């Protein structure tokens, strides 16, 4: 009996020390993985439109999803590197529509991010035509503002 218990504990502990590839969204969106937060002036529909524009112009791997249980919550996700899979290799911008109709965004990542990577997640919402993956397409911010 003790041997079975010892084997079970060893298997359980081995699972705890496993590769973070198998982490879930609940683990990713913990305070220890918070990389930045920002308020947005856009509502969730405007953010969704910005993500779709960014997908078309720049990066089809960026995704937008609304929480099925609460339509005031949404997520913008992007792989840390092209083709990466699993929550451990995904940057998540968690977006919440607040009571005063502002939108709060929080960036989560299992691994540390540079300030530029965090700002690139905000840019998907605020400047969807900006493409960090294709710098040759990017106009300086002032030219974009005057061209609009």
N, C-alpha and C. Protein backbone atom coordinates (compact mmCIF):
# COMPACT_ATOMS: atom_id res chain seq x y z
N UNK A 1 0.81 -1.19 0.00
CA UNK A 1 0.00 0.00 0.00
C UNK A 1 0.86 1.26 0.00
N UNK A 2 1.93 1.23 0.85
CA UNK A 2 2.82 2.39 0.91
C UNK A 2 3.54 2.59 -0.43
N UNK A 3 3.85 1.48 -1.07
CA UNK A 3 4.55 1.56 -2.35
C UNK A 3 3.66 2.23 -3.41
N UNK A 4 2.38 1.88 -3.45
CA UNK A 4 1.44 2.49 -4.39
C UNK A 4 1.30 3.97 -4.11
N UNK A 5 1.21 4.34 -2.84
CA UNK A 5 1.11 5.74 -2.45
C UNK A 5 2.37 6.51 -2.86
N UNK A 6 3.53 5.89 -2.66
CA UNK A 6 4.80 6.54 -3.03
C UNK A 6 4.89 6.74 -4.54
N UNK A 7 4.47 5.75 -5.31
CA UNK A 7 4.49 5.86 -6.77
C UNK A 7 3.52 6.94 -7.23
N UNK A 8 2.33 6.97 -6.63
CA UNK A 8 1.34 7.99 -6.98
C UNK A 8 1.87 9.39 -6.69
N UNK A 9 2.50 9.57 -5.53
CA UNK A 9 3.07 10.87 -5.17
C UNK A 9 4.19 11.25 -6.13
N UNK A 10 5.02 10.30 -6.52
CA UNK A 10 6.11 10.59 -7.45
C UNK A 10 5.56 11.04 -8.80
N UNK A 11 4.52 10.39 -9.27
CA UNK A 11 3.90 10.79 -10.55
C UNK A 11 3.29 12.18 -10.42
N UNK A 12 2.61 12.42 -9.31
CA UNK A 12 1.99 13.73 -9.09
C UNK A 12 3.05 14.84 -9.07
N UNK A 13 4.13 14.62 -8.33
CA UNK A 13 5.18 15.63 -8.23
C UNK A 13 5.90 15.83 -9.56
N UNK A 14 6.05 14.77 -10.32
CA UNK A 14 6.66 14.90 -11.65
C UNK A 14 5.78 15.77 -12.55
N UNK A 15 4.49 15.62 -12.41
CA UNK A 15 3.57 16.46 -13.19
C UNK A 15 3.67 17.92 -12.80
N UNK A 16 3.90 18.21 -11.54
CA UNK A 16 4.03 19.59 -11.08
C UNK A 16 5.30 20.24 -11.62
N UNK A 17 6.33 19.45 -11.83
CA UNK A 17 7.60 19.98 -12.32
C UNK A 17 7.70 19.94 -13.83
N UNK A 18 6.61 19.61 -14.49
CA UNK A 18 6.63 19.45 -15.94
C UNK A 18 6.81 20.79 -16.66
N UNK A 19 7.05 20.70 -17.93
CA UNK A 19 7.20 21.84 -18.80
C UNK A 19 5.96 22.74 -18.71
N UNK A 20 6.13 24.08 -18.70
CA UNK A 20 4.98 24.97 -18.59
C UNK A 20 4.10 25.00 -19.83
N UNK A 21 4.41 24.21 -20.85
CA UNK A 21 3.60 24.15 -22.07
C UNK A 21 2.15 23.86 -21.74
N UNK A 22 1.91 23.09 -20.69
CA UNK A 22 0.56 22.67 -20.36
C UNK A 22 -0.17 23.61 -19.41
N UNK A 23 0.34 24.82 -19.18
CA UNK A 23 -0.37 25.72 -18.27
C UNK A 23 -1.67 26.18 -18.91
N UNK A 24 -2.62 26.54 -18.09
CA UNK A 24 -3.90 27.02 -18.59
C UNK A 24 -4.02 28.53 -18.46
N UNK A 25 -5.10 29.02 -18.98
CA UNK A 25 -5.36 30.46 -18.94
C UNK A 25 -5.49 30.97 -17.51
N UNK A 26 -6.09 30.16 -16.63
CA UNK A 26 -6.23 30.58 -15.22
C UNK A 26 -4.87 30.77 -14.56
N UNK A 27 -3.90 29.97 -14.92
CA UNK A 27 -2.54 30.12 -14.37
C UNK A 27 -1.87 31.33 -15.01
N UNK A 28 -2.04 31.50 -16.30
CA UNK A 28 -1.39 32.61 -17.01
C UNK A 28 -1.86 33.96 -16.48
N UNK A 29 -3.14 34.10 -16.21
CA UNK A 29 -3.69 35.39 -15.80
C UNK A 29 -3.63 35.59 -14.28
N UNK A 30 -2.49 35.29 -13.71
CA UNK A 30 -2.22 35.50 -12.29
C UNK A 30 -1.37 36.77 -12.13
N UNK A 31 -1.45 37.43 -10.98
CA UNK A 31 -0.67 38.66 -10.76
C UNK A 31 0.83 38.49 -11.02
N UNK A 32 1.37 37.31 -10.76
CA UNK A 32 2.80 37.09 -10.99
C UNK A 32 3.18 37.14 -12.47
N UNK A 33 2.20 36.97 -13.36
CA UNK A 33 2.46 37.00 -14.80
C UNK A 33 2.01 38.31 -15.45
N UNK A 34 1.55 39.27 -14.65
CA UNK A 34 1.11 40.57 -15.18
C UNK A 34 2.33 41.36 -15.65
N UNK A 35 2.30 41.81 -16.88
CA UNK A 35 3.43 42.54 -17.46
C UNK A 35 3.13 44.02 -17.70
N UNK A 36 1.87 44.42 -17.62
CA UNK A 36 1.51 45.82 -17.78
C UNK A 36 0.02 46.01 -17.81
N UNK A 37 -0.43 47.23 -17.52
CA UNK A 37 -1.85 47.53 -17.64
C UNK A 37 -2.03 48.96 -18.15
N UNK A 38 -3.18 49.16 -18.78
CA UNK A 38 -3.47 50.44 -19.41
C UNK A 38 -4.97 50.58 -19.60
N UNK A 39 -5.45 51.83 -19.54
CA UNK A 39 -6.86 52.12 -19.85
C UNK A 39 -6.97 52.50 -21.32
N UNK A 40 -8.06 52.08 -21.95
CA UNK A 40 -8.33 52.40 -23.34
C UNK A 40 -9.60 53.23 -23.44
N UNK A 41 -9.70 54.04 -24.47
CA UNK A 41 -10.91 54.82 -24.70
C UNK A 41 -11.92 54.04 -25.53
N UNK A 42 -11.48 52.98 -26.20
CA UNK A 42 -12.36 52.18 -27.05
C UNK A 42 -13.21 51.22 -26.21
N UNK A 43 -14.41 50.91 -26.74
CA UNK A 43 -15.22 49.86 -26.13
C UNK A 43 -14.81 48.52 -26.77
N UNK A 44 -15.45 47.43 -26.37
CA UNK A 44 -15.05 46.11 -26.86
C UNK A 44 -15.28 45.94 -28.36
N UNK A 45 -16.33 46.55 -28.89
CA UNK A 45 -16.59 46.45 -30.34
C UNK A 45 -15.49 47.17 -31.11
N UNK A 46 -15.08 48.34 -30.66
CA UNK A 46 -14.01 49.07 -31.33
C UNK A 46 -12.69 48.32 -31.22
N UNK A 47 -12.46 47.69 -30.08
CA UNK A 47 -11.24 46.89 -29.92
C UNK A 47 -11.27 45.69 -30.86
N UNK A 48 -12.42 45.05 -30.98
CA UNK A 48 -12.55 43.92 -31.90
C UNK A 48 -12.26 44.36 -33.33
N UNK A 49 -12.79 45.50 -33.74
CA UNK A 49 -12.53 46.02 -35.09
C UNK A 49 -11.04 46.30 -35.30
N UNK A 50 -10.40 46.86 -34.27
CA UNK A 50 -8.96 47.14 -34.37
C UNK A 50 -8.17 45.84 -34.53
N UNK A 51 -8.56 44.80 -33.79
CA UNK A 51 -7.86 43.51 -33.91
C UNK A 51 -8.05 42.93 -35.31
N UNK A 52 -9.26 43.00 -35.84
CA UNK A 52 -9.50 42.48 -37.19
C UNK A 52 -8.69 43.26 -38.22
N UNK A 53 -8.59 44.57 -38.05
CA UNK A 53 -7.78 45.38 -38.96
C UNK A 53 -6.31 44.97 -38.85
N UNK A 54 -5.83 44.78 -37.63
CA UNK A 54 -4.44 44.36 -37.43
C UNK A 54 -4.19 42.99 -38.05
N UNK A 55 -5.15 42.08 -37.90
CA UNK A 55 -5.01 40.75 -38.52
C UNK A 55 -4.85 40.88 -40.03
N UNK A 56 -5.68 41.70 -40.65
CA UNK A 56 -5.67 41.83 -42.10
C UNK A 56 -4.39 42.50 -42.61
N UNK A 57 -3.92 43.51 -41.89
CA UNK A 57 -2.78 44.30 -42.35
C UNK A 57 -1.46 43.68 -41.95
N UNK A 58 -1.44 43.02 -40.81
CA UNK A 58 -0.15 42.69 -40.21
C UNK A 58 0.06 41.23 -39.82
N UNK A 59 -0.79 40.73 -38.91
CA UNK A 59 -0.48 39.44 -38.30
C UNK A 59 -1.75 38.61 -38.10
N UNK A 60 -1.98 37.62 -38.95
CA UNK A 60 -3.19 36.80 -38.80
C UNK A 60 -3.19 35.91 -37.55
N UNK A 61 -2.06 35.80 -36.85
CA UNK A 61 -2.01 34.98 -35.63
C UNK A 61 -2.61 35.70 -34.41
N UNK A 62 -2.84 37.00 -34.52
CA UNK A 62 -3.48 37.75 -33.44
C UNK A 62 -4.96 37.40 -33.44
N UNK A 63 -5.50 37.09 -32.28
CA UNK A 63 -6.90 36.66 -32.16
C UNK A 63 -7.64 37.51 -31.13
N UNK A 64 -8.96 37.61 -31.33
CA UNK A 64 -9.85 38.29 -30.39
C UNK A 64 -10.93 37.31 -29.98
N UNK A 65 -11.21 37.24 -28.69
CA UNK A 65 -12.31 36.38 -28.23
C UNK A 65 -13.00 37.03 -27.04
N UNK A 66 -14.31 36.90 -27.02
CA UNK A 66 -15.12 37.40 -25.91
C UNK A 66 -15.38 36.24 -24.97
N UNK A 67 -15.31 36.49 -23.68
CA UNK A 67 -15.57 35.47 -22.68
C UNK A 67 -17.03 35.03 -22.80
N UNK A 68 -17.25 33.73 -22.93
CA UNK A 68 -18.60 33.19 -23.10
C UNK A 68 -19.48 33.42 -21.87
N UNK A 69 -18.88 33.46 -20.70
CA UNK A 69 -19.64 33.61 -19.46
C UNK A 69 -19.92 35.07 -19.10
N UNK A 70 -19.09 35.99 -19.60
CA UNK A 70 -19.26 37.40 -19.27
C UNK A 70 -18.87 38.25 -20.48
N UNK A 71 -19.84 38.84 -21.17
CA UNK A 71 -19.54 39.60 -22.39
C UNK A 71 -18.81 40.92 -22.13
N UNK A 72 -18.54 41.27 -20.89
CA UNK A 72 -17.74 42.46 -20.59
C UNK A 72 -16.25 42.14 -20.53
N UNK A 73 -15.90 40.88 -20.75
CA UNK A 73 -14.50 40.45 -20.74
C UNK A 73 -14.14 39.92 -22.13
N UNK A 74 -12.95 40.30 -22.58
CA UNK A 74 -12.45 39.79 -23.87
C UNK A 74 -10.94 39.63 -23.76
N UNK A 75 -10.39 38.92 -24.73
CA UNK A 75 -8.94 38.72 -24.77
C UNK A 75 -8.43 38.91 -26.19
N UNK A 76 -7.27 39.55 -26.27
CA UNK A 76 -6.51 39.62 -27.51
C UNK A 76 -5.28 38.78 -27.26
N UNK A 77 -5.05 37.79 -28.13
CA UNK A 77 -3.92 36.89 -27.93
C UNK A 77 -2.99 36.93 -29.13
N UNK A 78 -1.72 36.70 -28.83
CA UNK A 78 -0.69 36.70 -29.87
C UNK A 78 0.43 35.76 -29.42
N UNK A 79 0.89 34.87 -30.31
CA UNK A 79 2.01 34.01 -29.93
C UNK A 79 3.27 34.85 -29.65
N UNK A 80 4.09 34.41 -28.69
CA UNK A 80 5.32 35.13 -28.37
C UNK A 80 6.22 35.18 -29.60
N UNK A 81 6.24 34.09 -30.36
CA UNK A 81 6.99 34.04 -31.61
C UNK A 81 6.10 33.37 -32.65
N UNK A 82 6.32 33.65 -33.94
CA UNK A 82 5.45 33.07 -34.97
C UNK A 82 5.36 31.55 -34.87
N UNK A 83 4.14 31.06 -34.89
CA UNK A 83 3.90 29.62 -34.86
C UNK A 83 3.90 28.99 -33.47
N UNK A 84 4.24 29.76 -32.44
CA UNK A 84 4.26 29.21 -31.08
C UNK A 84 2.84 28.83 -30.66
N UNK A 85 2.74 27.77 -29.87
CA UNK A 85 1.43 27.31 -29.41
C UNK A 85 1.43 27.13 -27.90
N UNK A 86 0.26 27.08 -27.32
CA UNK A 86 0.10 26.88 -25.88
C UNK A 86 0.12 28.20 -25.14
N UNK A 87 -0.58 28.23 -24.00
CA UNK A 87 -0.67 29.47 -23.21
C UNK A 87 0.67 29.92 -22.68
N UNK A 88 1.60 29.01 -22.44
CA UNK A 88 2.91 29.41 -21.95
C UNK A 88 3.68 30.24 -22.97
N UNK A 89 3.31 30.12 -24.24
CA UNK A 89 4.00 30.84 -25.31
C UNK A 89 3.08 31.84 -25.99
N UNK A 90 2.13 32.38 -25.22
CA UNK A 90 1.15 33.33 -25.74
C UNK A 90 1.16 34.58 -24.88
N UNK A 91 1.07 35.72 -25.54
CA UNK A 91 0.89 36.99 -24.84
C UNK A 91 -0.61 37.27 -24.86
N UNK A 92 -1.18 37.57 -23.69
CA UNK A 92 -2.62 37.81 -23.57
C UNK A 92 -2.86 39.24 -23.12
N UNK A 93 -3.68 39.96 -23.88
CA UNK A 93 -4.19 41.26 -23.45
C UNK A 93 -5.61 41.02 -22.98
N UNK A 94 -5.81 41.02 -21.67
CA UNK A 94 -7.11 40.81 -21.07
C UNK A 94 -7.80 42.17 -21.04
N UNK A 95 -8.99 42.27 -21.63
CA UNK A 95 -9.70 43.54 -21.75
C UNK A 95 -11.02 43.44 -21.00
N UNK A 96 -11.29 44.43 -20.14
CA UNK A 96 -12.50 44.43 -19.32
C UNK A 96 -13.21 45.77 -19.49
N UNK A 97 -14.49 45.70 -19.84
CA UNK A 97 -15.32 46.90 -19.90
C UNK A 97 -15.82 47.17 -18.49
N UNK A 98 -15.48 48.35 -17.94
CA UNK A 98 -15.83 48.66 -16.56
C UNK A 98 -17.19 49.33 -16.46
N UNK A 99 -17.66 49.53 -15.23
CA UNK A 99 -18.97 50.14 -14.99
C UNK A 99 -19.08 51.55 -15.55
N UNK A 100 -17.97 52.29 -15.54
CA UNK A 100 -18.02 53.66 -16.05
C UNK A 100 -17.73 53.72 -17.56
N UNK A 101 -17.84 52.56 -18.22
CA UNK A 101 -17.71 52.41 -19.68
C UNK A 101 -16.33 52.75 -20.21
N UNK A 102 -15.32 52.63 -19.37
CA UNK A 102 -13.95 52.67 -19.87
C UNK A 102 -13.49 51.22 -19.99
N UNK A 103 -12.41 51.02 -20.68
CA UNK A 103 -11.91 49.67 -20.88
C UNK A 103 -10.52 49.56 -20.26
N UNK A 104 -10.33 48.55 -19.45
CA UNK A 104 -9.06 48.30 -18.77
C UNK A 104 -8.38 47.13 -19.46
N UNK A 105 -7.12 47.32 -19.84
CA UNK A 105 -6.37 46.24 -20.47
C UNK A 105 -5.19 45.83 -19.62
N UNK A 106 -4.97 44.53 -19.52
CA UNK A 106 -3.83 43.99 -18.77
C UNK A 106 -3.12 42.96 -19.64
N UNK A 107 -1.80 43.08 -19.71
CA UNK A 107 -0.99 42.17 -20.51
C UNK A 107 -0.38 41.11 -19.59
N UNK A 108 -0.57 39.85 -19.98
CA UNK A 108 -0.03 38.71 -19.23
C UNK A 108 0.86 37.88 -20.15
N UNK A 109 1.92 37.34 -19.55
CA UNK A 109 2.79 36.41 -20.25
C UNK A 109 3.50 35.54 -19.22
N UNK A 110 3.63 34.26 -19.52
CA UNK A 110 4.31 33.36 -18.59
C UNK A 110 5.77 33.74 -18.45
N UNK A 111 6.40 34.10 -19.56
CA UNK A 111 7.79 34.52 -19.55
C UNK A 111 7.85 36.04 -19.57
N UNK A 112 8.94 36.59 -19.09
CA UNK A 112 9.11 38.04 -19.08
C UNK A 112 9.08 38.61 -20.49
N UNK A 113 8.59 39.84 -20.61
CA UNK A 113 8.50 40.52 -21.90
C UNK A 113 9.29 41.82 -21.84
N UNK A 114 9.76 42.26 -22.99
CA UNK A 114 10.37 43.58 -23.05
C UNK A 114 9.26 44.63 -23.05
N UNK A 115 9.62 45.85 -22.75
CA UNK A 115 8.65 46.95 -22.78
C UNK A 115 8.07 47.10 -24.19
N UNK A 116 8.90 46.86 -25.20
CA UNK A 116 8.43 46.95 -26.60
C UNK A 116 7.36 45.89 -26.88
N UNK A 117 7.53 44.68 -26.37
CA UNK A 117 6.52 43.64 -26.60
C UNK A 117 5.20 43.98 -25.92
N UNK A 118 5.26 44.56 -24.73
CA UNK A 118 4.04 44.98 -24.04
C UNK A 118 3.37 46.10 -24.84
N UNK A 119 4.16 47.08 -25.28
CA UNK A 119 3.61 48.19 -26.05
C UNK A 119 3.05 47.73 -27.40
N UNK A 120 3.64 46.68 -27.98
CA UNK A 120 3.10 46.14 -29.23
C UNK A 120 1.70 45.58 -29.02
N UNK A 121 1.43 45.01 -27.86
CA UNK A 121 0.07 44.52 -27.57
C UNK A 121 -0.91 45.68 -27.46
N UNK A 122 -0.49 46.77 -26.83
CA UNK A 122 -1.36 47.95 -26.75
C UNK A 122 -1.58 48.55 -28.14
N UNK A 123 -0.55 48.52 -28.97
CA UNK A 123 -0.65 49.09 -30.31
C UNK A 123 -1.67 48.36 -31.17
N UNK A 124 -1.88 47.07 -30.94
CA UNK A 124 -2.90 46.34 -31.69
C UNK A 124 -4.25 47.03 -31.54
N UNK A 125 -4.51 47.55 -30.35
CA UNK A 125 -5.77 48.23 -30.06
C UNK A 125 -5.72 49.70 -30.48
N UNK A 126 -4.62 50.37 -30.18
CA UNK A 126 -4.54 51.81 -30.38
C UNK A 126 -4.06 52.23 -31.77
N UNK A 127 -3.23 51.42 -32.39
CA UNK A 127 -2.71 51.71 -33.74
C UNK A 127 -2.68 50.40 -34.52
N UNK A 128 -3.83 49.88 -34.92
CA UNK A 128 -3.88 48.54 -35.52
C UNK A 128 -3.08 48.41 -36.81
N UNK A 129 -2.79 49.51 -37.48
CA UNK A 129 -2.02 49.45 -38.71
C UNK A 129 -0.52 49.33 -38.46
N UNK A 130 -0.09 49.47 -37.21
CA UNK A 130 1.32 49.35 -36.83
C UNK A 130 1.70 47.88 -36.79
N UNK A 131 2.79 47.53 -37.47
CA UNK A 131 3.22 46.13 -37.57
C UNK A 131 4.65 45.96 -37.08
N UNK A 132 4.83 45.52 -35.85
CA UNK A 132 6.21 45.28 -35.39
C UNK A 132 6.89 44.18 -36.19
N UNK A 133 6.10 43.25 -36.77
CA UNK A 133 6.66 42.16 -37.56
C UNK A 133 7.10 42.63 -38.95
N UNK A 134 6.57 43.77 -39.40
CA UNK A 134 6.89 44.31 -40.73
C UNK A 134 7.22 45.79 -40.61
N UNK A 135 8.39 46.12 -40.07
CA UNK A 135 8.72 47.53 -39.81
C UNK A 135 8.75 48.40 -41.06
N UNK A 136 8.98 47.79 -42.22
CA UNK A 136 9.01 48.57 -43.46
C UNK A 136 7.65 49.17 -43.80
N UNK A 137 6.57 48.62 -43.26
CA UNK A 137 5.22 49.13 -43.51
C UNK A 137 4.84 50.30 -42.62
N UNK A 138 5.57 50.48 -41.53
CA UNK A 138 5.17 51.45 -40.52
C UNK A 138 5.58 52.87 -40.90
N UNK A 139 4.62 53.77 -40.82
CA UNK A 139 4.89 55.19 -40.96
C UNK A 139 5.12 55.75 -39.56
N UNK A 140 5.90 56.80 -39.45
CA UNK A 140 6.00 57.43 -38.14
C UNK A 140 4.62 57.84 -37.66
N UNK A 141 4.42 57.86 -36.35
CA UNK A 141 3.10 58.13 -35.76
C UNK A 141 2.54 59.47 -36.22
N UNK A 142 3.38 60.50 -36.37
CA UNK A 142 2.89 61.82 -36.78
C UNK A 142 2.35 61.79 -38.20
N UNK A 143 3.01 61.05 -39.11
CA UNK A 143 2.52 60.96 -40.49
C UNK A 143 1.19 60.24 -40.55
N UNK A 144 1.00 59.23 -39.72
CA UNK A 144 -0.28 58.52 -39.69
C UNK A 144 -1.38 59.43 -39.20
N UNK A 145 -1.10 60.23 -38.19
CA UNK A 145 -2.11 61.13 -37.62
C UNK A 145 -2.50 62.19 -38.63
N UNK A 146 -1.55 62.74 -39.37
CA UNK A 146 -1.88 63.79 -40.34
C UNK A 146 -2.50 63.21 -41.60
N UNK A 147 -2.23 61.93 -41.89
CA UNK A 147 -2.79 61.30 -43.08
C UNK A 147 -4.23 60.87 -42.89
N UNK A 148 -4.70 60.80 -41.65
CA UNK A 148 -6.06 60.32 -41.37
C UNK A 148 -7.06 61.44 -41.42
